[in-house]
Amino acid sequence: MAARDAPGVTETGRLETFADGVMAIAITLLVLEIGVPEVDEHGSLGSALLEQWPQYAAYAVSFLTIGIIWVNHHHLFSVIERTTHAFLMLNVVFLMTIAVLPWPTALIAEHLREEASRTTAAIVYGLTMTAIAVMFNAVWRYAAAGLRLLPPDVDRAELARVSRSYLSGPVTYLAGTLLALWDAWWSLGLFALLAIYWLLPGSGPRIERLRRVG
């Protein structure tokens, strides 16, 4: 019996569609946290808009982060060929961490300029990012363990390299979270730099190399 025909094993299409929907909603909710400023008769709309810069910055970092996660999740399913019940549940928890991201994003935007609460907001944001990275790794490692959900022609050496590369996510985000205990600005700056870095071509693992050629 083929692996994809085994009991409890299903195709990936519905999972990918569900994941796309959750990420699309989460990424859309981010912009709803950017309010329209109130301007009195003596105020300036331009000045009021500039005053909202923490909202724009938080939105940009979180939007790029979710977008990068979506791209990487899409790449995973170029080699993940099937699902199991346990794998589906792991993806549900993974998507739960993404769906909550608009909340700490709003928290950062609200408290970025307040010294008394900026550190707490940065820690909450960092813990959310770390949880997302941990669950992304959990999804990948479940699928990759013993080629459980991968094709049999996977390059084992490249598989090991990809798995090691994904480990950098939780480690770096946790480091950024702990950095907030010393200086929240440096912590948030690191999260912004990570979002920019992952945008660069070749910054992530080349998962298409997993399939053997010939």
N, C-alpha and C. Protein backbone atom coordinates (compact mmCIF):
# COMPACT_ATOMS: atom_id res chain seq x y z
N MET A 1 0.85 -1.21 0.00
CA MET A 1 0.00 0.00 0.00
C MET A 1 0.88 1.25 0.00
N ALA A 2 0.61 2.20 -0.85
CA ALA A 2 1.37 3.45 -0.90
C ALA A 2 1.18 4.21 0.39
N ALA A 3 2.20 5.01 0.76
CA ALA A 3 2.13 5.74 2.03
C ALA A 3 0.93 6.66 2.08
N ARG A 4 0.63 7.32 0.97
CA ARG A 4 -0.47 8.27 0.98
C ARG A 4 -1.83 7.57 1.06
N ASP A 5 -1.86 6.25 0.82
CA ASP A 5 -3.10 5.50 0.91
C ASP A 5 -3.26 4.79 2.24
N ALA A 6 -2.27 4.94 3.14
CA ALA A 6 -2.32 4.27 4.43
C ALA A 6 -3.42 4.88 5.30
N PRO A 7 -3.98 4.09 6.24
CA PRO A 7 -5.01 4.61 7.13
C PRO A 7 -4.50 5.81 7.93
N GLY A 8 -5.32 6.85 8.04
CA GLY A 8 -4.95 8.04 8.80
C GLY A 8 -4.10 9.03 8.05
N VAL A 9 -3.76 8.74 6.79
CA VAL A 9 -2.92 9.64 5.99
C VAL A 9 -3.78 10.32 4.94
N THR A 10 -3.68 11.64 4.84
CA THR A 10 -4.51 12.39 3.90
C THR A 10 -3.66 13.34 3.08
N GLU A 11 -4.27 13.96 2.09
CA GLU A 11 -3.59 14.95 1.26
C GLU A 11 -3.47 16.28 2.02
N THR A 12 -2.68 17.18 1.48
CA THR A 12 -2.34 18.42 2.18
C THR A 12 -3.17 19.63 1.76
N GLY A 13 -3.98 19.50 0.72
CA GLY A 13 -4.66 20.66 0.13
C GLY A 13 -5.49 21.45 1.12
N ARG A 14 -6.33 20.77 1.91
CA ARG A 14 -7.21 21.48 2.84
C ARG A 14 -6.40 22.17 3.93
N LEU A 15 -5.34 21.53 4.38
CA LEU A 15 -4.48 22.14 5.40
C LEU A 15 -3.84 23.41 4.86
N GLU A 16 -3.33 23.37 3.64
CA GLU A 16 -2.70 24.55 3.06
C GLU A 16 -3.70 25.68 2.89
N THR A 17 -4.92 25.35 2.48
CA THR A 17 -5.96 26.37 2.31
C THR A 17 -6.32 27.00 3.64
N PHE A 18 -6.46 26.17 4.68
CA PHE A 18 -6.78 26.68 6.01
C PHE A 18 -5.66 27.58 6.52
N ALA A 19 -4.42 27.15 6.35
CA ALA A 19 -3.28 27.96 6.79
C ALA A 19 -3.23 29.29 6.07
N ASP A 20 -3.47 29.27 4.75
CA ASP A 20 -3.49 30.51 3.98
C ASP A 20 -4.55 31.46 4.53
N GLY A 21 -5.72 30.91 4.87
CA GLY A 21 -6.82 31.74 5.37
C GLY A 21 -6.49 32.37 6.71
N VAL A 22 -5.94 31.58 7.63
CA VAL A 22 -5.59 32.11 8.96
C VAL A 22 -4.54 33.21 8.84
N MET A 23 -3.52 32.97 8.03
CA MET A 23 -2.46 33.98 7.89
C MET A 23 -2.99 35.23 7.20
N ALA A 24 -3.88 35.06 6.24
CA ALA A 24 -4.46 36.23 5.55
C ALA A 24 -5.28 37.08 6.52
N ILE A 25 -6.05 36.42 7.39
CA ILE A 25 -6.84 37.16 8.37
C ILE A 25 -5.94 37.87 9.37
N ALA A 26 -4.92 37.16 9.87
CA ALA A 26 -4.00 37.75 10.84
C ALA A 26 -3.28 38.96 10.26
N ILE A 27 -2.85 38.84 9.04
CA ILE A 27 -2.09 39.93 8.41
C ILE A 27 -3.00 41.12 8.10
N THR A 28 -4.29 40.84 7.88
CA THR A 28 -5.26 41.92 7.64
C THR A 28 -5.63 42.63 8.93
N LEU A 29 -5.75 41.86 10.03
CA LEU A 29 -6.10 42.46 11.32
C LEU A 29 -5.05 43.47 11.78
N LEU A 30 -3.81 43.29 11.34
CA LEU A 30 -2.75 44.21 11.75
C LEU A 30 -3.07 45.65 11.39
N VAL A 31 -3.59 45.86 10.20
CA VAL A 31 -3.83 47.23 9.74
C VAL A 31 -4.99 47.86 10.48
N LEU A 32 -5.89 47.04 11.02
CA LEU A 32 -7.03 47.59 11.76
C LEU A 32 -6.61 48.24 13.07
N GLU A 33 -5.38 47.91 13.53
CA GLU A 33 -4.87 48.52 14.76
C GLU A 33 -4.32 49.92 14.53
N ILE A 34 -4.20 50.32 13.26
CA ILE A 34 -3.74 51.68 12.96
C ILE A 34 -4.96 52.58 12.91
N GLY A 35 -5.14 53.37 13.95
CA GLY A 35 -6.33 54.20 14.04
C GLY A 35 -6.22 55.49 13.23
N VAL A 36 -7.36 56.07 12.96
CA VAL A 36 -7.41 57.38 12.31
C VAL A 36 -7.27 58.44 13.40
N PRO A 37 -6.25 59.30 13.35
CA PRO A 37 -6.03 60.26 14.44
C PRO A 37 -7.12 61.31 14.51
N GLU A 38 -7.41 61.72 15.73
CA GLU A 38 -8.36 62.81 15.94
C GLU A 38 -7.60 64.13 15.96
N VAL A 39 -8.07 65.08 15.21
CA VAL A 39 -7.40 66.38 15.12
C VAL A 39 -8.41 67.48 15.44
N ASP A 40 -8.07 68.32 16.44
CA ASP A 40 -8.98 69.43 16.76
C ASP A 40 -8.73 70.59 15.80
N GLU A 41 -9.48 71.67 15.98
CA GLU A 41 -9.41 72.78 15.04
C GLU A 41 -8.06 73.48 15.04
N HIS A 42 -7.28 73.28 16.09
CA HIS A 42 -5.98 73.93 16.18
C HIS A 42 -4.84 72.97 15.84
N GLY A 43 -5.17 71.74 15.59
CA GLY A 43 -4.14 70.73 15.33
C GLY A 43 -3.85 70.56 13.85
N SER A 44 -2.85 69.73 13.59
CA SER A 44 -2.43 69.45 12.21
C SER A 44 -2.56 67.96 11.96
N LEU A 45 -3.21 67.59 10.89
CA LEU A 45 -3.35 66.17 10.55
C LEU A 45 -1.98 65.55 10.28
N GLY A 46 -1.11 66.31 9.61
CA GLY A 46 0.22 65.79 9.32
C GLY A 46 0.97 65.45 10.60
N SER A 47 0.92 66.34 11.59
CA SER A 47 1.60 66.09 12.86
C SER A 47 0.99 64.91 13.59
N ALA A 48 -0.33 64.82 13.53
CA ALA A 48 -1.01 63.70 14.20
C ALA A 48 -0.63 62.37 13.55
N LEU A 49 -0.50 62.37 12.24
CA LEU A 49 -0.09 61.14 11.55
C LEU A 49 1.34 60.76 11.91
N LEU A 50 2.22 61.75 12.01
CA LEU A 50 3.60 61.46 12.38
C LEU A 50 3.69 60.92 13.80
N GLU A 51 2.79 61.38 14.67
CA GLU A 51 2.79 60.91 16.05
C GLU A 51 2.46 59.42 16.15
N GLN A 52 1.86 58.88 15.11
CA GLN A 52 1.47 57.47 15.14
C GLN A 52 2.56 56.54 14.62
N TRP A 53 3.80 57.03 14.52
CA TRP A 53 4.85 56.22 13.92
C TRP A 53 5.05 54.87 14.60
N PRO A 54 4.83 54.72 15.93
CA PRO A 54 4.98 53.38 16.51
C PRO A 54 4.00 52.36 15.91
N GLN A 55 2.81 52.82 15.56
CA GLN A 55 1.84 51.92 14.94
C GLN A 55 2.31 51.45 13.57
N TYR A 56 2.89 52.38 12.80
CA TYR A 56 3.38 52.00 11.47
C TYR A 56 4.55 51.02 11.57
N ALA A 57 5.45 51.29 12.52
CA ALA A 57 6.63 50.44 12.67
C ALA A 57 6.23 49.03 13.11
N ALA A 58 5.35 48.95 14.10
CA ALA A 58 4.90 47.65 14.58
C ALA A 58 4.16 46.88 13.49
N TYR A 59 3.34 47.60 12.74
CA TYR A 59 2.61 46.98 11.63
C TYR A 59 3.57 46.40 10.60
N ALA A 60 4.58 47.18 10.22
CA ALA A 60 5.51 46.75 9.17
C ALA A 60 6.27 45.50 9.59
N VAL A 61 6.78 45.48 10.83
CA VAL A 61 7.56 44.32 11.29
C VAL A 61 6.69 43.08 11.34
N SER A 62 5.48 43.21 11.91
CA SER A 62 4.61 42.03 12.04
C SER A 62 4.08 41.57 10.68
N PHE A 63 3.78 42.51 9.80
CA PHE A 63 3.30 42.15 8.46
C PHE A 63 4.38 41.36 7.72
N LEU A 64 5.61 41.88 7.73
CA LEU A 64 6.70 41.19 7.05
C LEU A 64 6.96 39.83 7.66
N THR A 65 6.88 39.75 8.99
CA THR A 65 7.12 38.47 9.67
C THR A 65 6.09 37.43 9.26
N ILE A 66 4.82 37.79 9.27
CA ILE A 66 3.78 36.84 8.86
C ILE A 66 3.96 36.48 7.39
N GLY A 67 4.29 37.47 6.57
CA GLY A 67 4.51 37.18 5.16
C GLY A 67 5.64 36.20 4.94
N ILE A 68 6.74 36.36 5.70
CA ILE A 68 7.87 35.45 5.59
C ILE A 68 7.48 34.05 6.06
N ILE A 69 6.71 33.99 7.15
CA ILE A 69 6.24 32.69 7.64
C ILE A 69 5.38 32.00 6.58
N TRP A 70 4.52 32.78 5.94
CA TRP A 70 3.67 32.19 4.89
C TRP A 70 4.54 31.62 3.76
N VAL A 71 5.54 32.37 3.34
CA VAL A 71 6.43 31.89 2.27
C VAL A 71 7.11 30.59 2.70
N ASN A 72 7.65 30.55 3.93
CA ASN A 72 8.34 29.36 4.39
C ASN A 72 7.39 28.17 4.55
N HIS A 73 6.19 28.45 5.04
CA HIS A 73 5.19 27.39 5.18
C HIS A 73 4.83 26.83 3.80
N HIS A 74 4.72 27.72 2.83
CA HIS A 74 4.45 27.30 1.45
C HIS A 74 5.59 26.40 0.94
N HIS A 75 6.83 26.78 1.24
CA HIS A 75 7.97 25.97 0.80
C HIS A 75 7.96 24.59 1.45
N LEU A 76 7.53 24.51 2.71
CA LEU A 76 7.47 23.21 3.37
C LEU A 76 6.62 22.23 2.57
N PHE A 77 5.52 22.74 2.04
CA PHE A 77 4.59 21.85 1.37
C PHE A 77 4.98 21.56 -0.08
N SER A 78 6.16 22.05 -0.46
CA SER A 78 6.70 21.59 -1.73
C SER A 78 7.34 20.21 -1.57
N VAL A 79 7.60 19.83 -0.30
CA VAL A 79 8.16 18.50 -0.04
C VAL A 79 7.28 17.65 0.88
N ILE A 80 6.42 18.29 1.66
CA ILE A 80 5.49 17.52 2.50
C ILE A 80 4.34 17.05 1.61
N GLU A 81 4.17 15.77 1.49
CA GLU A 81 3.21 15.21 0.54
C GLU A 81 1.90 14.73 1.16
N ARG A 82 1.85 14.60 2.46
CA ARG A 82 0.66 14.03 3.08
C ARG A 82 0.56 14.53 4.52
N THR A 83 -0.51 14.24 5.18
CA THR A 83 -0.72 14.67 6.55
C THR A 83 -1.22 13.50 7.39
N THR A 84 -1.14 13.67 8.70
CA THR A 84 -1.76 12.75 9.64
C THR A 84 -2.56 13.59 10.64
N HIS A 85 -3.32 12.94 11.49
CA HIS A 85 -4.10 13.68 12.49
C HIS A 85 -3.18 14.49 13.40
N ALA A 86 -2.10 13.87 13.87
CA ALA A 86 -1.17 14.57 14.75
C ALA A 86 -0.55 15.79 14.05
N PHE A 87 -0.22 15.64 12.78
CA PHE A 87 0.36 16.74 12.02
C PHE A 87 -0.65 17.88 11.86
N LEU A 88 -1.90 17.54 11.63
CA LEU A 88 -2.94 18.56 11.52
C LEU A 88 -3.07 19.33 12.83
N MET A 89 -3.04 18.62 13.97
CA MET A 89 -3.16 19.28 15.27
C MET A 89 -1.96 20.18 15.55
N LEU A 90 -0.77 19.74 15.15
CA LEU A 90 0.41 20.60 15.30
C LEU A 90 0.24 21.89 14.50
N ASN A 91 -0.30 21.78 13.30
CA ASN A 91 -0.53 22.96 12.49
C ASN A 91 -1.58 23.87 13.09
N VAL A 92 -2.58 23.31 13.75
CA VAL A 92 -3.60 24.12 14.43
C VAL A 92 -2.94 24.98 15.51
N VAL A 93 -2.08 24.36 16.32
CA VAL A 93 -1.39 25.12 17.38
C VAL A 93 -0.44 26.15 16.77
N PHE A 94 0.25 25.77 15.70
CA PHE A 94 1.13 26.71 15.00
C PHE A 94 0.36 27.92 14.52
N LEU A 95 -0.79 27.69 13.91
CA LEU A 95 -1.60 28.79 13.39
C LEU A 95 -2.19 29.62 14.52
N MET A 96 -2.44 29.01 15.67
CA MET A 96 -2.92 29.76 16.82
C MET A 96 -1.91 30.82 17.25
N THR A 97 -0.62 30.47 17.21
CA THR A 97 0.41 31.44 17.59
C THR A 97 0.48 32.59 16.60
N ILE A 98 0.21 32.32 15.34
CA ILE A 98 0.21 33.38 14.33
C ILE A 98 -1.02 34.27 14.49
N ALA A 99 -2.17 33.66 14.76
CA ALA A 99 -3.42 34.42 14.86
C ALA A 99 -3.38 35.43 16.00
N VAL A 100 -2.57 35.16 17.03
CA VAL A 100 -2.53 36.06 18.19
C VAL A 100 -1.58 37.23 17.97
N LEU A 101 -0.76 37.20 16.93
CA LEU A 101 0.27 38.23 16.73
C LEU A 101 -0.27 39.66 16.64
N PRO A 102 -1.46 39.91 16.08
CA PRO A 102 -1.95 41.29 16.08
C PRO A 102 -2.08 41.90 17.48
N TRP A 103 -2.32 41.05 18.49
CA TRP A 103 -2.47 41.59 19.85
C TRP A 103 -1.16 42.15 20.41
N PRO A 104 -0.05 41.38 20.46
CA PRO A 104 1.20 41.98 20.94
C PRO A 104 1.70 43.10 20.03
N THR A 105 1.33 43.06 18.75
CA THR A 105 1.68 44.16 17.85
C THR A 105 1.02 45.46 18.32
N ALA A 106 -0.28 45.37 18.66
CA ALA A 106 -0.99 46.54 19.19
C ALA A 106 -0.41 46.97 20.53
N LEU A 107 0.02 46.01 21.33
CA LEU A 107 0.62 46.30 22.63
C LEU A 107 1.89 47.12 22.47
N ILE A 108 2.73 46.71 21.53
CA ILE A 108 3.96 47.44 21.26
C ILE A 108 3.65 48.85 20.76
N ALA A 109 2.73 48.96 19.82
CA ALA A 109 2.38 50.26 19.26
C ALA A 109 1.88 51.22 20.35
N GLU A 110 1.16 50.67 21.31
CA GLU A 110 0.58 51.50 22.37
C GLU A 110 1.60 51.93 23.42
N HIS A 111 2.56 51.07 23.70
CA HIS A 111 3.45 51.32 24.84
C HIS A 111 4.91 51.58 24.45
N LEU A 112 5.19 51.69 23.17
CA LEU A 112 6.57 51.85 22.73
C LEU A 112 7.24 53.08 23.33
N ARG A 113 6.50 54.15 23.50
CA ARG A 113 7.10 55.40 24.00
C ARG A 113 6.98 55.55 25.52
N GLU A 114 6.43 54.54 26.17
CA GLU A 114 6.25 54.60 27.63
C GLU A 114 7.32 53.75 28.30
N GLU A 115 8.24 54.40 28.98
CA GLU A 115 9.38 53.70 29.57
C GLU A 115 8.95 52.65 30.58
N ALA A 116 7.90 52.94 31.32
CA ALA A 116 7.48 52.03 32.39
C ALA A 116 6.93 50.71 31.87
N SER A 117 6.34 50.73 30.68
CA SER A 117 5.69 49.52 30.17
C SER A 117 6.30 48.98 28.89
N ARG A 118 7.28 49.70 28.31
CA ARG A 118 7.88 49.28 27.04
C ARG A 118 8.54 47.91 27.15
N THR A 119 9.24 47.65 28.24
CA THR A 119 9.93 46.37 28.40
C THR A 119 8.96 45.20 28.44
N THR A 120 7.87 45.36 29.19
CA THR A 120 6.87 44.30 29.26
C THR A 120 6.26 44.03 27.90
N ALA A 121 5.94 45.09 27.18
CA ALA A 121 5.36 44.93 25.84
C ALA A 121 6.34 44.21 24.91
N ALA A 122 7.61 44.56 25.00
CA ALA A 122 8.62 43.92 24.15
C ALA A 122 8.78 42.44 24.50
N ILE A 123 8.70 42.11 25.77
CA ILE A 123 8.81 40.71 26.19
C ILE A 123 7.62 39.90 25.68
N VAL A 124 6.42 40.45 25.80
CA VAL A 124 5.23 39.76 25.31
C VAL A 124 5.33 39.54 23.79
N TYR A 125 5.77 40.57 23.09
CA TYR A 125 5.94 40.46 21.63
C TYR A 125 6.99 39.39 21.30
N GLY A 126 8.12 39.43 22.01
CA GLY A 126 9.18 38.47 21.75
C GLY A 126 8.76 37.04 22.07
N LEU A 127 8.02 36.85 23.14
CA LEU A 127 7.56 35.50 23.49
C LEU A 127 6.61 34.96 22.42
N THR A 128 5.79 35.85 21.87
CA THR A 128 4.90 35.42 20.78
C THR A 128 5.70 35.00 19.56
N MET A 129 6.70 35.80 19.19
CA MET A 129 7.56 35.46 18.07
C MET A 129 8.29 34.14 18.31
N THR A 130 8.77 33.95 19.53
CA THR A 130 9.47 32.71 19.87
C THR A 130 8.54 31.52 19.76
N ALA A 131 7.30 31.68 20.25
CA ALA A 131 6.33 30.58 20.17
C ALA A 131 6.03 30.21 18.72
N ILE A 132 5.92 31.22 17.86
CA ILE A 132 5.69 30.95 16.44
C ILE A 132 6.86 30.15 15.86
N ALA A 133 8.08 30.57 16.17
CA ALA A 133 9.27 29.89 15.64
C ALA A 133 9.38 28.46 16.17
N VAL A 134 9.04 28.27 17.45
CA VAL A 134 9.07 26.92 18.04
C VAL A 134 8.06 26.02 17.34
N MET A 135 6.86 26.53 17.13
CA MET A 135 5.82 25.69 16.51
C MET A 135 6.13 25.42 15.04
N PHE A 136 6.74 26.38 14.35
CA PHE A 136 7.16 26.13 12.97
C PHE A 136 8.13 24.96 12.94
N ASN A 137 9.08 24.96 13.87
CA ASN A 137 10.04 23.86 13.95
C ASN A 137 9.36 22.55 14.31
N ALA A 138 8.37 22.61 15.20
CA ALA A 138 7.66 21.38 15.58
C ALA A 138 6.93 20.78 14.38
N VAL A 139 6.30 21.64 13.57
CA VAL A 139 5.61 21.18 12.36
C VAL A 139 6.60 20.51 11.41
N TRP A 140 7.72 21.19 11.17
CA TRP A 140 8.71 20.65 10.24
C TRP A 140 9.32 19.35 10.75
N ARG A 141 9.71 19.32 12.01
CA ARG A 141 10.40 18.15 12.53
C ARG A 141 9.49 16.93 12.62
N TYR A 142 8.21 17.15 12.88
CA TYR A 142 7.29 16.02 12.85
C TYR A 142 7.22 15.44 11.45
N ALA A 143 7.10 16.32 10.45
CA ALA A 143 6.99 15.85 9.06
C ALA A 143 8.27 15.18 8.59
N ALA A 144 9.43 15.71 9.05
CA ALA A 144 10.72 15.24 8.53
C ALA A 144 11.26 14.02 9.25
N ALA A 145 10.81 13.77 10.49
CA ALA A 145 11.37 12.67 11.27
C ALA A 145 11.14 11.33 10.56
N GLY A 146 12.23 10.66 10.22
CA GLY A 146 12.11 9.37 9.54
C GLY A 146 11.41 9.47 8.19
N LEU A 147 11.44 10.68 7.59
CA LEU A 147 10.73 10.95 6.33
C LEU A 147 9.24 10.61 6.46
N ARG A 148 8.70 10.88 7.65
CA ARG A 148 7.32 10.49 7.95
C ARG A 148 6.33 10.98 6.90
N LEU A 149 6.46 12.26 6.50
CA LEU A 149 5.50 12.83 5.55
C LEU A 149 6.19 13.34 4.29
N LEU A 150 7.46 12.99 4.12
CA LEU A 150 8.24 13.45 2.97
C LEU A 150 8.38 12.33 1.94
N PRO A 151 8.74 12.68 0.71
CA PRO A 151 8.96 11.65 -0.31
C PRO A 151 10.22 10.85 -0.01
N PRO A 152 10.29 9.62 -0.48
CA PRO A 152 11.45 8.76 -0.16
C PRO A 152 12.75 9.20 -0.83
N ASP A 153 12.68 10.09 -1.83
CA ASP A 153 13.90 10.46 -2.56
C ASP A 153 14.58 11.69 -1.98
N VAL A 154 14.26 12.04 -0.73
CA VAL A 154 14.84 13.23 -0.11
C VAL A 154 16.34 13.04 0.11
N ASP A 155 17.09 14.10 -0.13
CA ASP A 155 18.52 14.11 0.13
C ASP A 155 18.73 14.24 1.64
N ARG A 156 19.23 13.19 2.28
CA ARG A 156 19.34 13.17 3.74
C ARG A 156 20.31 14.23 4.27
N ALA A 157 21.41 14.45 3.57
CA ALA A 157 22.37 15.46 4.01
C ALA A 157 21.76 16.86 3.96
N GLU A 158 21.03 17.15 2.90
CA GLU A 158 20.38 18.46 2.78
C GLU A 158 19.27 18.60 3.82
N LEU A 159 18.57 17.50 4.11
CA LEU A 159 17.52 17.51 5.13
C LEU A 159 18.09 17.92 6.48
N ALA A 160 19.24 17.39 6.82
CA ALA A 160 19.88 17.75 8.09
C ALA A 160 20.25 19.23 8.12
N ARG A 161 20.73 19.75 6.98
CA ARG A 161 21.10 21.17 6.91
C ARG A 161 19.87 22.06 7.06
N VAL A 162 18.78 21.69 6.41
CA VAL A 162 17.56 22.48 6.51
C VAL A 162 17.06 22.50 7.96
N SER A 163 17.07 21.34 8.61
CA SER A 163 16.59 21.27 9.99
C SER A 163 17.45 22.11 10.92
N ARG A 164 18.76 22.08 10.72
CA ARG A 164 19.64 22.92 11.55
C ARG A 164 19.38 24.40 11.30
N SER A 165 19.12 24.76 10.05
CA SER A 165 18.87 26.16 9.71
C SER A 165 17.60 26.67 10.39
N TYR A 166 16.55 25.85 10.41
CA TYR A 166 15.30 26.28 11.04
C TYR A 166 15.46 26.49 12.54
N LEU A 167 16.42 25.82 13.17
CA LEU A 167 16.64 25.97 14.60
C LEU A 167 17.07 27.39 14.98
N SER A 168 17.63 28.11 14.02
CA SER A 168 18.09 29.47 14.33
C SER A 168 16.94 30.39 14.69
N GLY A 169 15.73 30.09 14.21
CA GLY A 169 14.57 30.95 14.50
C GLY A 169 14.25 31.03 15.98
N PRO A 170 13.92 29.91 16.64
CA PRO A 170 13.61 29.98 18.07
C PRO A 170 14.75 30.55 18.91
N VAL A 171 15.98 30.17 18.57
CA VAL A 171 17.13 30.64 19.34
C VAL A 171 17.27 32.16 19.24
N THR A 172 17.16 32.68 18.02
CA THR A 172 17.34 34.12 17.82
C THR A 172 16.20 34.92 18.44
N TYR A 173 14.98 34.46 18.27
CA TYR A 173 13.85 35.20 18.85
C TYR A 173 13.86 35.14 20.38
N LEU A 174 14.27 34.02 20.94
CA LEU A 174 14.38 33.94 22.39
C LEU A 174 15.47 34.89 22.88
N ALA A 175 16.60 34.95 22.16
CA ALA A 175 17.67 35.88 22.53
C ALA A 175 17.17 37.32 22.48
N GLY A 176 16.38 37.64 21.43
CA GLY A 176 15.82 38.98 21.32
C GLY A 176 14.87 39.29 22.47
N THR A 177 14.12 38.30 22.90
CA THR A 177 13.20 38.49 24.02
C THR A 177 13.96 38.76 25.31
N LEU A 178 15.00 37.97 25.57
CA LEU A 178 15.82 38.18 26.77
C LEU A 178 16.55 39.53 26.71
N LEU A 179 16.89 39.98 25.51
CA LEU A 179 17.55 41.27 25.35
C LEU A 179 16.67 42.41 25.86
N ALA A 180 15.34 42.22 25.80
CA ALA A 180 14.42 43.26 26.27
C ALA A 180 14.58 43.53 27.77
N LEU A 181 15.08 42.55 28.51
CA LEU A 181 15.31 42.76 29.94
C LEU A 181 16.41 43.78 30.18
N TRP A 182 17.30 43.92 29.21
CA TRP A 182 18.38 44.91 29.29
C TRP A 182 17.97 46.21 28.63
N ASP A 183 17.45 46.12 27.40
CA ASP A 183 17.04 47.32 26.67
C ASP A 183 15.98 46.93 25.64
N ALA A 184 14.77 47.41 25.83
CA ALA A 184 13.66 47.05 24.95
C ALA A 184 13.88 47.56 23.53
N TRP A 185 14.53 48.71 23.39
CA TRP A 185 14.76 49.26 22.05
C TRP A 185 15.65 48.34 21.23
N TRP A 186 16.72 47.81 21.86
CA TRP A 186 17.59 46.88 21.15
C TRP A 186 16.84 45.60 20.78
N SER A 187 15.99 45.15 21.67
CA SER A 187 15.20 43.94 21.41
C SER A 187 14.29 44.13 20.20
N LEU A 188 13.56 45.23 20.20
CA LEU A 188 12.64 45.49 19.10
C LEU A 188 13.39 45.76 17.80
N GLY A 189 14.56 46.40 17.92
CA GLY A 189 15.39 46.62 16.74
C GLY A 189 15.85 45.30 16.13
N LEU A 190 16.18 44.33 16.98
CA LEU A 190 16.58 43.02 16.49
C LEU A 190 15.44 42.34 15.74
N PHE A 191 14.23 42.43 16.28
CA PHE A 191 13.08 41.83 15.60
C PHE A 191 12.87 42.46 14.22
N ALA A 192 13.05 43.78 14.15
CA ALA A 192 12.91 44.47 12.87
C ALA A 192 14.00 44.03 11.89
N LEU A 193 15.24 43.91 12.38
CA LEU A 193 16.33 43.47 11.51
C LEU A 193 16.13 42.04 11.02
N LEU A 194 15.58 41.19 11.87
CA LEU A 194 15.30 39.81 11.45
C LEU A 194 14.27 39.79 10.32
N ALA A 195 13.24 40.63 10.44
CA ALA A 195 12.22 40.68 9.38
C ALA A 195 12.84 41.12 8.06
N ILE A 196 13.75 42.09 8.12
CA ILE A 196 14.42 42.55 6.91
C ILE A 196 15.37 41.48 6.36
N TYR A 197 16.11 40.84 7.27
CA TYR A 197 17.07 39.82 6.85
C TYR A 197 16.39 38.67 6.11
N TRP A 198 15.27 38.18 6.66
CA TRP A 198 14.60 37.03 6.04
C TRP A 198 14.00 37.38 4.69
N LEU A 199 13.90 38.69 4.40
CA LEU A 199 13.42 39.10 3.07
C LEU A 199 14.48 38.92 1.99
N LEU A 200 15.75 38.91 2.41
CA LEU A 200 16.84 38.88 1.44
C LEU A 200 16.90 37.54 0.72
N PRO A 201 17.14 37.55 -0.58
CA PRO A 201 17.27 36.29 -1.33
C PRO A 201 18.39 35.42 -0.75
N GLY A 202 18.10 34.15 -0.59
CA GLY A 202 19.11 33.22 -0.10
C GLY A 202 19.31 33.23 1.39
N SER A 203 18.48 33.99 2.14
CA SER A 203 18.66 34.06 3.59
C SER A 203 18.13 32.83 4.31
N GLY A 204 17.20 32.11 3.68
CA GLY A 204 16.62 30.93 4.30
C GLY A 204 17.10 29.66 3.66
N PRO A 205 16.74 28.51 4.23
CA PRO A 205 17.16 27.23 3.66
C PRO A 205 16.53 27.00 2.29
N ARG A 206 17.28 26.42 1.38
CA ARG A 206 16.78 26.13 0.04
C ARG A 206 16.12 24.75 0.06
N ILE A 207 14.85 24.76 0.42
CA ILE A 207 14.19 23.48 0.66
C ILE A 207 13.97 22.69 -0.62
N GLU A 208 14.00 23.39 -1.76
CA GLU A 208 13.83 22.68 -3.04
C GLU A 208 14.99 21.75 -3.33
N ARG A 209 16.11 21.97 -2.63
CA ARG A 209 17.27 21.10 -2.83
C ARG A 209 17.11 19.73 -2.16
N LEU A 210 16.05 19.59 -1.39
CA LEU A 210 15.85 18.32 -0.69
C LEU A 210 15.60 17.16 -1.65
N ARG A 211 14.95 17.44 -2.76
CA ARG A 211 14.66 16.38 -3.71
C ARG A 211 15.91 16.04 -4.51
N ARG A 212 16.19 14.78 -4.61
CA ARG A 212 17.36 14.34 -5.38
C ARG A 212 17.13 14.60 -6.86
N VAL A 213 18.17 14.95 -7.56
CA VAL A 213 18.09 15.16 -8.99
C VAL A 213 18.49 13.87 -9.72
N GLY A 214 17.65 13.49 -10.69
CA GLY A 214 17.97 12.31 -11.47
C GLY A 214 17.55 11.02 -10.83
